[in-house]
Amino acid sequence: TGTEVIEDDKKTGRKHFKFIKGPIFANIVLADEINRTPPKTQA
């Protein structure tokens, strides 16, 4: 799905969280060997 990373705001110098989109954010997704990952990830 993606994850949050901490980024520095160059204007304010403060740190903030930014969401980096995962590979599910595509029109066509190939889920290769879906039965090799635990149910939580399949879900």
Full PDB file with SEQRES, HELIX, SHEET, SSBOND, CRYST1, ORIGX, SCALE, CONECT and MASTER records, all heavy atoms in Angstrom:
SEQRES   1 A   43  THR GLY THR GLU VAL ILE GLU ASP ASP LYS LYS THR GLY          
SEQRES   2 A   43  ARG LYS HIS PHE LYS PHE ILE LYS GLY PRO ILE PHE ALA          
SEQRES   3 A   43  ASN ILE VAL LEU ALA ASP GLU ILE ASN ARG THR PRO PRO          
SEQRES   4 A   43  LYS THR GLN ALA                                              
HELIX    1 AA1 ILE A   34  ARG A   36  5                                   3    
HELIX    2 AA2 PRO A   39  GLN A   42  1                                   4    
SHEET    1 AA1 2 GLY A   2  ASP A   8  0                                        
SHEET    2 AA1 2 LYS A  15  LYS A  21 -1                                        
CRYST1    1.000    1.000    1.000  90.00  90.00  90.00 P 1           1          
ORIGX1      1.000000  0.000000  0.000000        0.00000                         
ORIGX2      0.000000  1.000000  0.000000        0.00000                         
ORIGX3      0.000000  0.000000  1.000000        0.00000                         
SCALE1      1.000000  0.000000  0.000000        0.00000                         
SCALE2      0.000000  1.000000  0.000000        0.00000                         
SCALE3      0.000000  0.000000  1.000000        0.00000                         
ATOM      1  N   THR A   1       0.811  -1.219   0.000  1.00  0.00           N  
ATOM      2  CA  THR A   1       0.000   0.000   0.000  1.00  0.00           C  
ATOM      3  C   THR A   1       0.846   1.273   0.000  1.00  0.00           C  
ATOM      4  O   THR A   1       0.439   2.298  -0.544  1.00  0.00           O  
ATOM      5  CB  THR A   1      -0.920   0.019   1.229  1.00  0.00           C  
ATOM      6  OG1 THR A   1      -0.115  -0.052   2.415  1.00  0.00           O  
ATOM      7  CG2 THR A   1      -1.874  -1.163   1.205  1.00  0.00           C  
ATOM      8  N   GLY A   2       2.003   1.209   0.635  1.00  0.00           N  
ATOM      9  CA  GLY A   2       2.846   2.388   0.760  1.00  0.00           C  
ATOM     10  C   GLY A   2       3.173   2.653   2.220  1.00  0.00           C  
ATOM     11  O   GLY A   2       2.620   2.013   3.123  1.00  0.00           O  
ATOM     12  N   THR A   3       4.044   3.586   2.470  1.00  0.00           N  
ATOM     13  CA  THR A   3       4.468   3.866   3.837  1.00  0.00           C  
ATOM     14  C   THR A   3       4.786   5.345   4.010  1.00  0.00           C  
ATOM     15  O   THR A   3       4.990   6.069   3.027  1.00  0.00           O  
ATOM     16  CB  THR A   3       5.714   3.028   4.187  1.00  0.00           C  
ATOM     17  OG1 THR A   3       6.025   3.171   5.551  1.00  0.00           O  
ATOM     18  CG2 THR A   3       6.909   3.439   3.327  1.00  0.00           C  
ATOM     19  N   GLU A   4       4.817   5.777   5.276  1.00  0.00           N  
ATOM     20  CA  GLU A   4       5.155   7.169   5.575  1.00  0.00           C  
ATOM     21  C   GLU A   4       6.648   7.299   5.841  1.00  0.00           C  
ATOM     22  O   GLU A   4       7.258   6.443   6.493  1.00  0.00           O  
ATOM     23  CB  GLU A   4       4.384   7.658   6.805  1.00  0.00           C  
ATOM     24  CG  GLU A   4       2.943   8.038   6.512  1.00  0.00           C  
ATOM     25  CD  GLU A   4       2.281   8.724   7.686  1.00  0.00           C  
ATOM     26  OE1 GLU A   4       2.675   8.437   8.835  1.00  0.00           O  
ATOM     27  OE2 GLU A   4       1.387   9.562   7.466  1.00  0.00           O  
ATOM     28  N   VAL A   5       7.233   8.368   5.334  1.00  0.00           N  
ATOM     29  CA  VAL A   5       8.640   8.671   5.604  1.00  0.00           C  
ATOM     30  C   VAL A   5       8.720  10.090   6.169  1.00  0.00           C  
ATOM     31  O   VAL A   5       7.841  10.923   5.947  1.00  0.00           O  
ATOM     32  CB  VAL A   5       9.492   8.569   4.315  1.00  0.00           C  
ATOM     33  CG1 VAL A   5       9.492   7.148   3.775  1.00  0.00           C  
ATOM     34  CG2 VAL A   5       9.000   9.540   3.248  1.00  0.00           C  
ATOM     35  N   ILE A   6       9.781  10.338   6.936  1.00  0.00           N  
ATOM     36  CA  ILE A   6       9.989  11.673   7.502  1.00  0.00           C  
ATOM     37  C   ILE A   6      10.807  12.502   6.524  1.00  0.00           C  
ATOM     38  O   ILE A   6      11.849  12.074   6.036  1.00  0.00           O  
ATOM     39  CB  ILE A   6      10.721  11.580   8.856  1.00  0.00           C  
ATOM     40  CG1 ILE A   6       9.876  10.780   9.846  1.00  0.00           C  
ATOM     41  CG2 ILE A   6      11.019  12.967   9.401  1.00  0.00           C  
ATOM     42  CD1 ILE A   6      10.549  10.557  11.188  1.00  0.00           C  
ATOM     43  N   GLU A   7      10.286  13.705   6.241  1.00  0.00           N  
ATOM     44  CA  GLU A   7      10.955  14.601   5.304  1.00  0.00           C  
ATOM     45  C   GLU A   7      11.224  15.942   5.965  1.00  0.00           C  
ATOM     46  O   GLU A   7      10.467  16.376   6.848  1.00  0.00           O  
ATOM     47  CB  GLU A   7      10.076  14.831   4.067  1.00  0.00           C  
ATOM     48  CG  GLU A   7      10.424  13.965   2.892  1.00  0.00           C  
ATOM     49  CD  GLU A   7       9.762  14.451   1.607  1.00  0.00           C  
ATOM     50  OE1 GLU A   7       8.986  15.435   1.667  1.00  0.00           O  
ATOM     51  OE2 GLU A   7      10.015  13.862   0.550  1.00  0.00           O  
ATOM     52  N   ASP A   8      12.280  16.586   5.536  1.00  0.00           N  
ATOM     53  CA  ASP A   8      12.572  17.946   6.001  1.00  0.00           C  
ATOM     54  C   ASP A   8      11.893  18.959   5.091  1.00  0.00           C  
ATOM     55  O   ASP A   8      11.974  18.860   3.861  1.00  0.00           O  
ATOM     56  CB  ASP A   8      14.081  18.208   5.983  1.00  0.00           C  
ATOM     57  CG  ASP A   8      14.808  17.434   7.075  1.00  0.00           C  
ATOM     58  OD1 ASP A   8      14.246  17.314   8.174  1.00  0.00           O  
ATOM     59  OD2 ASP A   8      15.917  16.945   6.816  1.00  0.00           O  
ATOM     60  N   ASP A   9      11.191  19.902   5.696  1.00  0.00           N  
ATOM     61  CA  ASP A   9      10.605  21.007   4.941  1.00  0.00           C  
ATOM     62  C   ASP A   9      11.686  22.068   4.774  1.00  0.00           C  
ATOM     63  O   ASP A   9      12.125  22.692   5.743  1.00  0.00           O  
ATOM     64  CB  ASP A   9       9.397  21.583   5.692  1.00  0.00           C  
ATOM     65  CG  ASP A   9       8.614  22.555   4.821  1.00  0.00           C  
ATOM     66  OD1 ASP A   9       9.253  23.304   4.040  1.00  0.00           O  
ATOM     67  OD2 ASP A   9       7.380  22.568   4.914  1.00  0.00           O  
ATOM     68  N   LYS A  10      12.129  22.283   3.541  1.00  0.00           N  
ATOM     69  CA  LYS A  10      13.247  23.200   3.291  1.00  0.00           C  
ATOM     70  C   LYS A  10      12.912  24.644   3.653  1.00  0.00           C  
ATOM     71  O   LYS A  10      13.790  25.430   4.000  1.00  0.00           O  
ATOM     72  CB  LYS A  10      13.662  23.117   1.820  1.00  0.00           C  
ATOM     73  CG  LYS A  10      14.248  21.755   1.450  1.00  0.00           C  
ATOM     74  CD  LYS A  10      14.655  21.711  -0.017  1.00  0.00           C  
ATOM     75  CE  LYS A  10      15.232  20.354  -0.379  1.00  0.00           C  
ATOM     76  NZ  LYS A  10      15.609  20.267  -1.808  1.00  0.00           N  
ATOM     77  N   LYS A  11      11.631  24.985   3.569  1.00  0.00           N  
ATOM     78  CA  LYS A  11      11.244  26.368   3.876  1.00  0.00           C  
ATOM     79  C   LYS A  11      11.233  26.639   5.375  1.00  0.00           C  
ATOM     80  O   LYS A  11      11.732  27.669   5.839  1.00  0.00           O  
ATOM     81  CB  LYS A  11       9.870  26.670   3.281  1.00  0.00           C  
ATOM     82  CG  LYS A  11       9.859  26.671   1.756  1.00  0.00           C  
ATOM     83  CD  LYS A  11       8.473  27.019   1.234  1.00  0.00           C  
ATOM     84  CE  LYS A  11       8.460  27.046  -0.293  1.00  0.00           C  
ATOM     85  NZ  LYS A  11       7.113  27.366  -0.816  1.00  0.00           N  
ATOM     86  N   THR A  12      10.638  25.709   6.135  1.00  0.00           N  
ATOM     87  CA  THR A  12      10.500  25.943   7.587  1.00  0.00           C  
ATOM     88  C   THR A  12      11.580  25.269   8.408  1.00  0.00           C  
ATOM     89  O   THR A  12      11.791  25.616   9.562  1.00  0.00           O  
ATOM     90  CB  THR A  12       9.125  25.455   8.067  1.00  0.00           C  
ATOM     91  OG1 THR A  12       9.048  24.030   7.875  1.00  0.00           O  
ATOM     92  CG2 THR A  12       8.007  26.118   7.283  1.00  0.00           C  
ATOM     93  N   GLY A  13      12.240  24.284   7.807  1.00  0.00           N  
ATOM     94  CA  GLY A  13      13.259  23.540   8.550  1.00  0.00           C  
ATOM     95  C   GLY A  13      12.670  22.472   9.457  1.00  0.00           C  
ATOM     96  O   GLY A  13      13.396  21.782  10.160  1.00  0.00           O  
ATOM     97  N   ARG A  14      11.354  22.341   9.455  1.00  0.00           N  
ATOM     98  CA  ARG A  14      10.702  21.337  10.297  1.00  0.00           C  
ATOM     99  C   ARG A  14      10.573  20.005   9.553  1.00  0.00           C  
ATOM    100  O   ARG A  14      10.608  19.949   8.336  1.00  0.00           O  
ATOM    101  CB  ARG A  14       9.308  21.826  10.713  1.00  0.00           C  
ATOM    102  CG  ARG A  14       9.341  23.054  11.613  1.00  0.00           C  
ATOM    103  CD  ARG A  14       7.926  23.451  11.994  1.00  0.00           C  
ATOM    104  NE  ARG A  14       7.897  24.601  12.890  1.00  0.00           N  
ATOM    105  CZ  ARG A  14       6.800  25.160  13.347  1.00  0.00           C  
ATOM    106  NH1 ARG A  14       5.615  24.676  12.984  1.00  0.00           N  
ATOM    107  NH2 ARG A  14       6.858  26.204  14.154  1.00  0.00           N  
ATOM    108  N   LYS A  15      10.402  18.967  10.354  1.00  0.00           N  
ATOM    109  CA  LYS A  15      10.207  17.642   9.783  1.00  0.00           C  
ATOM    110  C   LYS A  15       8.710  17.331   9.712  1.00  0.00           C  
ATOM    111  O   LYS A  15       7.944  17.755  10.567  1.00  0.00           O  
ATOM    112  CB  LYS A  15      10.914  16.583  10.623  1.00  0.00           C  
ATOM    113  CG  LYS A  15      12.432  16.740  10.683  1.00  0.00           C  
ATOM    114  CD  LYS A  15      13.061  15.622  11.492  1.00  0.00           C  
ATOM    115  CE  LYS A  15      14.554  15.828  11.634  1.00  0.00           C  
ATOM    116  NZ  LYS A  15      15.247  15.749  10.329  1.00  0.00           N  
ATOM    117  N   HIS A  16       8.320  16.599   8.695  1.00  0.00           N  
ATOM    118  CA  HIS A  16       6.922  16.193   8.570  1.00  0.00           C  
ATOM    119  C   HIS A  16       6.860  14.836   7.880  1.00  0.00           C  
ATOM    120  O   HIS A  16       7.818  14.398   7.230  1.00  0.00           O  
ATOM    121  CB  HIS A  16       6.121  17.224   7.778  1.00  0.00           C  
ATOM    122  CG  HIS A  16       6.521  17.316   6.335  1.00  0.00           C  
ATOM    123  ND1 HIS A  16       7.623  18.011   5.913  1.00  0.00           N  
ATOM    124  CD2 HIS A  16       5.952  16.788   5.218  1.00  0.00           C  
ATOM    125  CE1 HIS A  16       7.732  17.923   4.603  1.00  0.00           C  
ATOM    126  NE2 HIS A  16       6.725  17.175   4.153  1.00  0.00           N  
ATOM    127  N   PHE A  17       5.709  14.179   8.038  1.00  0.00           N  
ATOM    128  CA  PHE A  17       5.519  12.878   7.420  1.00  0.00           C  
ATOM    129  C   PHE A  17       4.970  13.029   6.002  1.00  0.00           C  
ATOM    130  O   PHE A  17       4.102  13.863   5.739  1.00  0.00           O  
ATOM    131  CB  PHE A  17       4.535  12.021   8.240  1.00  0.00           C  
ATOM    132  CG  PHE A  17       5.125  11.490   9.517  1.00  0.00           C  
ATOM    133  CD1 PHE A  17       4.833  12.092  10.732  1.00  0.00           C  
ATOM    134  CD2 PHE A  17       5.979  10.397   9.491  1.00  0.00           C  
ATOM    135  CE1 PHE A  17       5.378  11.618  11.907  1.00  0.00           C  
ATOM    136  CE2 PHE A  17       6.519   9.903  10.668  1.00  0.00           C  
ATOM    137  CZ  PHE A  17       6.218  10.517  11.877  1.00  0.00           C  
ATOM    138  N   LYS A  18       5.494  12.195   5.106  1.00  0.00           N  
ATOM    139  CA  LYS A  18       5.009  12.184   3.731  1.00  0.00           C  
ATOM    140  C   LYS A  18       4.692  10.736   3.348  1.00  0.00           C  
ATOM    141  O   LYS A  18       5.491   9.833   3.594  1.00  0.00           O  
ATOM    142  CB  LYS A  18       6.057  12.759   2.779  1.00  0.00           C  
ATOM    143  CG  LYS A  18       5.596  12.772   1.322  1.00  0.00           C  
ATOM    144  CD  LYS A  18       6.673  13.319   0.396  1.00  0.00           C  
ATOM    145  CE  LYS A  18       6.216  13.315  -1.057  1.00  0.00           C  
ATOM    146  NZ  LYS A  18       7.261  13.800  -1.976  1.00  0.00           N  
ATOM    147  N   PHE A  19       3.506  10.528   2.763  1.00  0.00           N  
ATOM    148  CA  PHE A  19       3.114   9.186   2.364  1.00  0.00           C  
ATOM    149  C   PHE A  19       3.665   8.869   0.973  1.00  0.00           C  
ATOM    150  O   PHE A  19       3.431   9.600   0.016  1.00  0.00           O  
ATOM    151  CB  PHE A  19       1.587   9.050   2.358  1.00  0.00           C  
ATOM    152  CG  PHE A  19       1.106   7.671   1.978  1.00  0.00           C  
ATOM    153  CD1 PHE A  19       1.220   6.612   2.866  1.00  0.00           C  
ATOM    154  CD2 PHE A  19       0.543   7.440   0.730  1.00  0.00           C  
ATOM    155  CE1 PHE A  19       0.780   5.337   2.514  1.00  0.00           C  
ATOM    156  CE2 PHE A  19       0.100   6.172   0.377  1.00  0.00           C  
ATOM    157  CZ  PHE A  19       0.220   5.126   1.276  1.00  0.00           C  
ATOM    158  N   ILE A  20       4.414   7.783   0.884  1.00  0.00           N  
ATOM    159  CA  ILE A  20       4.962   7.310  -0.393  1.00  0.00           C  
ATOM    160  C   ILE A  20       4.096   6.158  -0.878  1.00  0.00           C  
ATOM    161  O   ILE A  20       3.999   5.119  -0.218  1.00  0.00           O  
ATOM    162  CB  ILE A  20       6.424   6.853  -0.248  1.00  0.00           C  
ATOM    163  CG1 ILE A  20       7.285   7.958   0.356  1.00  0.00           C  
ATOM    164  CG2 ILE A  20       6.975   6.409  -1.603  1.00  0.00           C  
ATOM    165  CD1 ILE A  20       7.376   9.201  -0.476  1.00  0.00           C  
ATOM    166  N   LYS A  21       3.440   6.349  -2.003  1.00  0.00           N  
ATOM    167  CA  LYS A  21       2.528   5.326  -2.516  1.00  0.00           C  
ATOM    168  C   LYS A  21       3.260   4.047  -2.903  1.00  0.00           C  
ATOM    169  O   LYS A  21       4.371   4.088  -3.443  1.00  0.00           O  
ATOM    170  CB  LYS A  21       1.767   5.868  -3.727  1.00  0.00           C  
ATOM    171  CG  LYS A  21       0.780   6.974  -3.383  1.00  0.00           C  
ATOM    172  CD  LYS A  21       0.034   7.452  -4.612  1.00  0.00           C  
ATOM    173  CE  LYS A  21      -1.005   8.513  -4.240  1.00  0.00           C  
ATOM    174  NZ  LYS A  21      -1.749   8.995  -5.422  1.00  0.00           N  
ATOM    175  N   GLY A  22       2.615   2.913  -2.607  1.00  0.00           N  
ATOM    176  CA  GLY A  22       3.174   1.612  -2.937  1.00  0.00           C  
ATOM    177  C   GLY A  22       2.786   1.142  -4.327  1.00  0.00           C  
ATOM    178  O   GLY A  22       2.075   1.843  -5.072  1.00  0.00           O  
ATOM    179  N   PRO A  23       3.195  -0.066  -4.693  1.00  0.00           N  
ATOM    180  CA  PRO A  23       2.955  -0.573  -6.056  1.00  0.00           C  
ATOM    181  C   PRO A  23       1.488  -0.856  -6.382  1.00  0.00           C  
ATOM    182  O   PRO A  23       1.164  -1.068  -7.547  1.00  0.00           O  
ATOM    183  CB  PRO A  23       3.773  -1.869  -6.096  1.00  0.00           C  
ATOM    184  CG  PRO A  23       3.956  -2.266  -4.668  1.00  0.00           C  
ATOM    185  CD  PRO A  23       4.024  -0.993  -3.895  1.00  0.00           C  
ATOM    186  N   ILE A  24       0.606  -0.853  -5.375  1.00  0.00           N  
ATOM    187  CA  ILE A  24      -0.813  -1.074  -5.657  1.00  0.00           C  
ATOM    188  C   ILE A  24      -1.415   0.115  -6.410  1.00  0.00           C  
ATOM    189  O   ILE A  24      -2.457  -0.001  -7.048  1.00  0.00           O  
ATOM    190  CB  ILE A  24      -1.603  -1.336  -4.346  1.00  0.00           C  
ATOM    191  CG1 ILE A  24      -2.968  -1.974  -4.680  1.00  0.00           C  
ATOM    192  CG2 ILE A  24      -1.787  -0.056  -3.546  1.00  0.00           C  
ATOM    193  CD1 ILE A  24      -3.749  -2.427  -3.478  1.00  0.00           C  
ATOM    194  N   PHE A  25      -0.730   1.249  -6.378  1.00  0.00           N  
ATOM    195  CA  PHE A  25      -1.221   2.447  -7.074  1.00  0.00           C  
ATOM    196  C   PHE A  25      -0.817   2.392  -8.555  1.00  0.00           C  
ATOM    197  O   PHE A  25       0.017   3.155  -9.031  1.00  0.00           O  
ATOM    198  CB  PHE A  25      -0.685   3.713  -6.416  1.00  0.00           C  
ATOM    199  CG  PHE A  25      -1.334   4.020  -5.099  1.00  0.00           C  
ATOM    200  CD1 PHE A  25      -0.815   3.506  -3.918  1.00  0.00           C  
ATOM    201  CD2 PHE A  25      -2.471   4.799  -5.023  1.00  0.00           C  
ATOM    202  CE1 PHE A  25      -1.413   3.775  -2.695  1.00  0.00           C  
ATOM    203  CE2 PHE A  25      -3.085   5.071  -3.804  1.00  0.00           C  
ATOM    204  CZ  PHE A  25      -2.550   4.557  -2.641  1.00  0.00           C  
ATOM    205  N   ALA A  26      -1.417   1.449  -9.254  1.00  0.00           N  
ATOM    206  CA  ALA A  26      -1.220   1.301 -10.700  1.00  0.00           C  
ATOM    207  C   ALA A  26      -2.525   0.814 -11.287  1.00  0.00           C  
ATOM    208  O   ALA A  26      -3.399   0.315 -10.572  1.00  0.00           O  
ATOM    209  CB  ALA A  26      -0.087   0.312 -10.984  1.00  0.00           C  
ATOM    210  N   ASN A  27      -2.687   0.956 -12.588  1.00  0.00           N  
ATOM    211  CA  ASN A  27      -3.923   0.493 -13.224  1.00  0.00           C  
ATOM    212  C   ASN A  27      -3.980  -1.028 -13.304  1.00  0.00           C  
ATOM    213  O   ASN A  27      -5.036  -1.629 -13.142  1.00  0.00           O  
ATOM    214  CB  ASN A  27      -4.061   1.080 -14.625  1.00  0.00           C  
ATOM    215  CG  ASN A  27      -4.188   2.586 -14.628  1.00  0.00           C  
ATOM    216  OD1 ASN A  27      -3.372   3.282 -15.225  1.00  0.00           O  
ATOM    217  ND2 ASN A  27      -5.201   3.108 -13.965  1.00  0.00           N  
ATOM    218  N   ILE A  28      -2.825  -1.632 -13.577  1.00  0.00           N  
ATOM    219  CA  ILE A  28      -2.749  -3.101 -13.644  1.00  0.00           C  
ATOM    220  C   ILE A  28      -1.660  -3.571 -12.692  1.00  0.00           C  
ATOM    221  O   ILE A  28      -0.516  -3.125 -12.769  1.00  0.00           O  
ATOM    222  CB  ILE A  28      -2.460  -3.574 -15.080  1.00  0.00           C  
ATOM    223  CG1 ILE A  28      -3.637  -3.219 -16.001  1.00  0.00           C  
ATOM    224  CG2 ILE A  28      -2.197  -5.072 -15.112  1.00  0.00           C  
ATOM    225  CD1 ILE A  28      -3.491  -3.720 -17.426  1.00  0.00           C  
ATOM    226  N   VAL A  29      -2.037  -4.454 -11.783  1.00  0.00           N  
ATOM    227  CA  VAL A  29      -1.101  -4.964 -10.770  1.00  0.00           C  
ATOM    228  C   VAL A  29      -0.954  -6.467 -10.945  1.00  0.00           C  
ATOM    229  O   VAL A  29      -1.946  -7.206 -10.941  1.00  0.00           O  
ATOM    230  CB  VAL A  29      -1.605  -4.657  -9.348  1.00  0.00           C  
ATOM    231  CG1 VAL A  29      -0.672  -5.259  -8.303  1.00  0.00           C  
ATOM    232  CG2 VAL A  29      -1.739  -3.155  -9.131  1.00  0.00           C  
ATOM    233  N   LEU A  30       0.287  -6.916 -11.102  1.00  0.00           N  
ATOM    234  CA  LEU A  30       0.581  -8.346 -11.133  1.00  0.00           C  
ATOM    235  C   LEU A  30       1.001  -8.776  -9.731  1.00  0.00           C  
ATOM    236  O   LEU A  30       2.055  -8.377  -9.243  1.00  0.00           O  
ATOM    237  CB  LEU A  30       1.693  -8.649 -12.141  1.00  0.00           C  
ATOM    238  CG  LEU A  30       2.221 -10.085 -12.149  1.00  0.00           C  
ATOM    239  CD1 LEU A  30       1.103 -11.065 -12.499  1.00  0.00           C  
ATOM    240  CD2 LEU A  30       3.381 -10.231 -13.114  1.00  0.00           C  
ATOM    241  N   ALA A  31       0.159  -9.553  -9.072  1.00  0.00           N  
ATOM    242  CA  ALA A  31       0.453 -10.072  -7.731  1.00  0.00           C  
ATOM    243  C   ALA A  31       1.051 -11.459  -7.905  1.00  0.00           C  
ATOM    244  O   ALA A  31       0.340 -12.462  -7.926  1.00  0.00           O  
ATOM    245  CB  ALA A  31      -0.813 -10.114  -6.886  1.00  0.00           C  
ATOM    246  N   ASP A  32       2.376 -11.506  -8.046  1.00  0.00           N  
ATOM    247  CA  ASP A  32       3.062 -12.748  -8.401  1.00  0.00           C  
ATOM    248  C   ASP A  32       3.191 -13.670  -7.201  1.00  0.00           C  
ATOM    249  O   ASP A  32       3.741 -13.290  -6.166  1.00  0.00           O  
ATOM    250  CB  ASP A  32       4.442 -12.419  -8.983  1.00  0.00           C  
ATOM    251  CG  ASP A  32       4.830 -13.377 -10.089  1.00  0.00           C  
ATOM    252  OD1 ASP A  32       4.057 -14.319 -10.365  1.00  0.00           O  
ATOM    253  OD2 ASP A  32       5.908 -13.202 -10.678  1.00  0.00           O  
ATOM    254  N   GLU A  33       2.687 -14.889  -7.341  1.00  0.00           N  
ATOM    255  CA  GLU A  33       2.710 -15.917  -6.289  1.00  0.00           C  
ATOM    256  C   GLU A  33       2.105 -15.390  -4.987  1.00  0.00           C  
ATOM    257  O   GLU A  33       2.747 -15.364  -3.941  1.00  0.00           O  
ATOM    258  CB  GLU A  33       4.136 -16.433  -6.074  1.00  0.00           C  
ATOM    259  CG  GLU A  33       4.703 -17.141  -7.296  1.00  0.00           C  
ATOM    260  CD  GLU A  33       5.984 -17.896  -7.017  1.00  0.00           C  
ATOM    261  OE1 GLU A  33       7.038 -17.244  -6.914  1.00  0.00           O  
ATOM    262  OE2 GLU A  33       5.934 -19.122  -6.893  1.00  0.00           O  
ATOM    263  N   ILE A  34       0.839 -14.991  -5.091  1.00  0.00           N  
ATOM    264  CA  ILE A  34       0.124 -14.389  -3.962  1.00  0.00           C  
ATOM    265  C   ILE A  34       0.020 -15.340  -2.769  1.00  0.00           C  
ATOM    266  O   ILE A  34      -0.109 -14.901  -1.628  1.00  0.00           O  
ATOM    267  CB  ILE A  34      -1.276 -13.913  -4.408  1.00  0.00           C  
ATOM    268  CG1 ILE A  34      -1.941 -13.058  -3.330  1.00  0.00           C  
ATOM    269  CG2 ILE A  34      -2.138 -15.097  -4.811  1.00  0.00           C  
ATOM    270  CD1 ILE A  34      -3.245 -12.430  -3.741  1.00  0.00           C  
ATOM    271  N   ASN A  35       0.099 -16.641  -3.020  1.00  0.00           N  
ATOM    272  CA  ASN A  35      -0.026 -17.609  -1.929  1.00  0.00           C  
ATOM    273  C   ASN A  35       1.277 -17.793  -1.144  1.00  0.00           C  
ATOM    274  O   ASN A  35       1.348 -18.645  -0.262  1.00  0.00           O  
ATOM    275  CB  ASN A  35      -0.503 -18.965  -2.469  1.00  0.00           C  
ATOM    276  CG  ASN A  35       0.394 -19.537  -3.555  1.00  0.00           C  
ATOM    277  OD1 ASN A  35       1.018 -18.788  -4.307  1.00  0.00           O  
ATOM    278  ND2 ASN A  35       0.466 -20.844  -3.656  1.00  0.00           N  
ATOM    279  N   ARG A  36       2.294 -16.982  -1.437  1.00  0.00           N  
ATOM    280  CA  ARG A  36       3.554 -17.105  -0.693  1.00  0.00           C  
ATOM    281  C   ARG A  36       3.694 -16.054   0.408  1.00  0.00           C  
ATOM    282  O   ARG A  36       4.734 -15.951   1.048  1.00  0.00           O  
ATOM    283  CB  ARG A  36       4.756 -16.998  -1.642  1.00  0.00           C  
ATOM    284  CG  ARG A  36       4.808 -18.111  -2.649  1.00  0.00           C  
ATOM    285  CD  ARG A  36       6.215 -18.441  -3.102  1.00  0.00           C  
ATOM    286  NE  ARG A  36       6.194 -19.640  -3.931  1.00  0.00           N  
ATOM    287  CZ  ARG A  36       6.214 -20.883  -3.477  1.00  0.00           C  
ATOM    288  NH1 ARG A  36       6.251 -21.090  -2.170  1.00  0.00           N  
ATOM    289  NH2 ARG A  36       6.179 -21.907  -4.296  1.00  0.00           N  
ATOM    290  N   THR A  37       2.654 -15.265   0.613  1.00  0.00           N  
ATOM    291  CA  THR A  37       2.730 -14.223   1.633  1.00  0.00           C  
ATOM    292  C   THR A  37       1.629 -14.444   2.670  1.00  0.00           C  
ATOM    293  O   THR A  37       0.582 -15.014   2.349  1.00  0.00           O  
ATOM    294  CB  THR A  37       2.607 -12.827   0.973  1.00  0.00           C  
ATOM    295  OG1 THR A  37       3.190 -11.841   1.807  1.00  0.00           O  
ATOM    296  CG2 THR A  37       1.163 -12.472   0.693  1.00  0.00           C  
ATOM    297  N   PRO A  38       1.839 -14.019   3.919  1.00  0.00           N  
ATOM    298  CA  PRO A  38       0.849 -14.264   4.981  1.00  0.00           C  
ATOM    299  C   PRO A  38      -0.485 -13.572   4.721  1.00  0.00           C  
ATOM    300  O   PRO A  38      -0.572 -12.609   3.963  1.00  0.00           O  
ATOM    301  CB  PRO A  38       1.534 -13.685   6.233  1.00  0.00           C  
ATOM    302  CG  PRO A  38       2.987 -13.683   5.924  1.00  0.00           C  
ATOM    303  CD  PRO A  38       3.081 -13.423   4.449  1.00  0.00           C  
ATOM    304  N   PRO A  39      -1.558 -14.063   5.371  1.00  0.00           N  
ATOM    305  CA  PRO A  39      -2.917 -13.520   5.151  1.00  0.00           C  
ATOM    306  C   PRO A  39      -3.033 -12.015   5.383  1.00  0.00           C  
ATOM    307  O   PRO A  39      -3.807 -11.345   4.699  1.00  0.00           O  
ATOM    308  CB  PRO A  39      -3.763 -14.298   6.168  1.00  0.00           C  
ATOM    309  CG  PRO A  39      -3.038 -15.584   6.357  1.00  0.00           C  
ATOM    310  CD  PRO A  39      -1.587 -15.249   6.238  1.00  0.00           C  
ATOM    311  N   LYS A  40      -2.279 -11.473   6.342  1.00  0.00           N  
ATOM    312  CA  LYS A  40      -2.364 -10.037   6.626  1.00  0.00           C  
ATOM    313  C   LYS A  40      -1.956  -9.210   5.405  1.00  0.00           C  
ATOM    314  O   LYS A  40      -2.576  -8.178   5.098  1.00  0.00           O  
ATOM    315  CB  LYS A  40      -1.471  -9.692   7.822  1.00  0.00           C  
ATOM    316  CG  LYS A  40      -1.606  -8.259   8.315  1.00  0.00           C  
ATOM    317  CD  LYS A  40      -0.760  -8.038   9.556  1.00  0.00           C  
ATOM    318  CE  LYS A  40      -0.928  -6.614  10.076  1.00  0.00           C  
ATOM    319  NZ  LYS A  40      -0.127  -6.376  11.295  1.00  0.00           N  
ATOM    320  N   THR A  41      -0.940  -9.672   4.701  1.00  0.00           N  
ATOM    321  CA  THR A  41      -0.476  -8.952   3.513  1.00  0.00           C  
ATOM    322  C   THR A  41      -1.418  -9.202   2.336  1.00  0.00           C  
ATOM    323  O   THR A  41      -1.700  -8.298   1.543  1.00  0.00           O  
ATOM    324  CB  THR A  41       0.959  -9.384   3.157  1.00  0.00           C  
ATOM    325  OG1 THR A  41       1.800  -9.207   4.303  1.00  0.00           O  
ATOM    326  CG2 THR A  41       1.513  -8.564   2.006  1.00  0.00           C  
ATOM    327  N   GLN A  42      -1.918 -10.421   2.225  1.00  0.00           N  
ATOM    328  CA  GLN A  42      -2.905 -10.717   1.185  1.00  0.00           C  
ATOM    329  C   GLN A  42      -4.125  -9.809   1.342  1.00  0.00           C  
ATOM    330  O   GLN A  42      -4.675  -9.301   0.362  1.00  0.00           O  
ATOM    331  CB  GLN A  42      -3.344 -12.185   1.273  1.00  0.00           C  
ATOM    332  CG  GLN A  42      -2.266 -13.175   0.899  1.00  0.00           C  
ATOM    333  CD  GLN A  42      -2.705 -14.613   1.155  1.00  0.00           C  
ATOM    334  OE1 GLN A  42      -3.746 -14.860   1.765  1.00  0.00           O  
ATOM    335  NE2 GLN A  42      -1.911 -15.564   0.702  1.00  0.00           N  
ATOM    336  N   ALA A  43      -4.546  -9.589   2.613  1.00  0.00           N  
ATOM    337  CA  ALA A  43      -5.737  -8.786   2.896  1.00  0.00           C  
ATOM    338  C   ALA A  43      -5.576  -7.343   2.425  1.00  0.00           C  
ATOM    339  O   ALA A  43      -6.543  -6.699   2.018  1.00  0.00           O  
ATOM    340  CB  ALA A  43      -6.060  -8.816   4.383  1.00  0.00           C  
TER     341      ALA A  43                                                      
MASTER        0    0    0    2    2    0    0    6  340    1    0    4          
END                                                                             
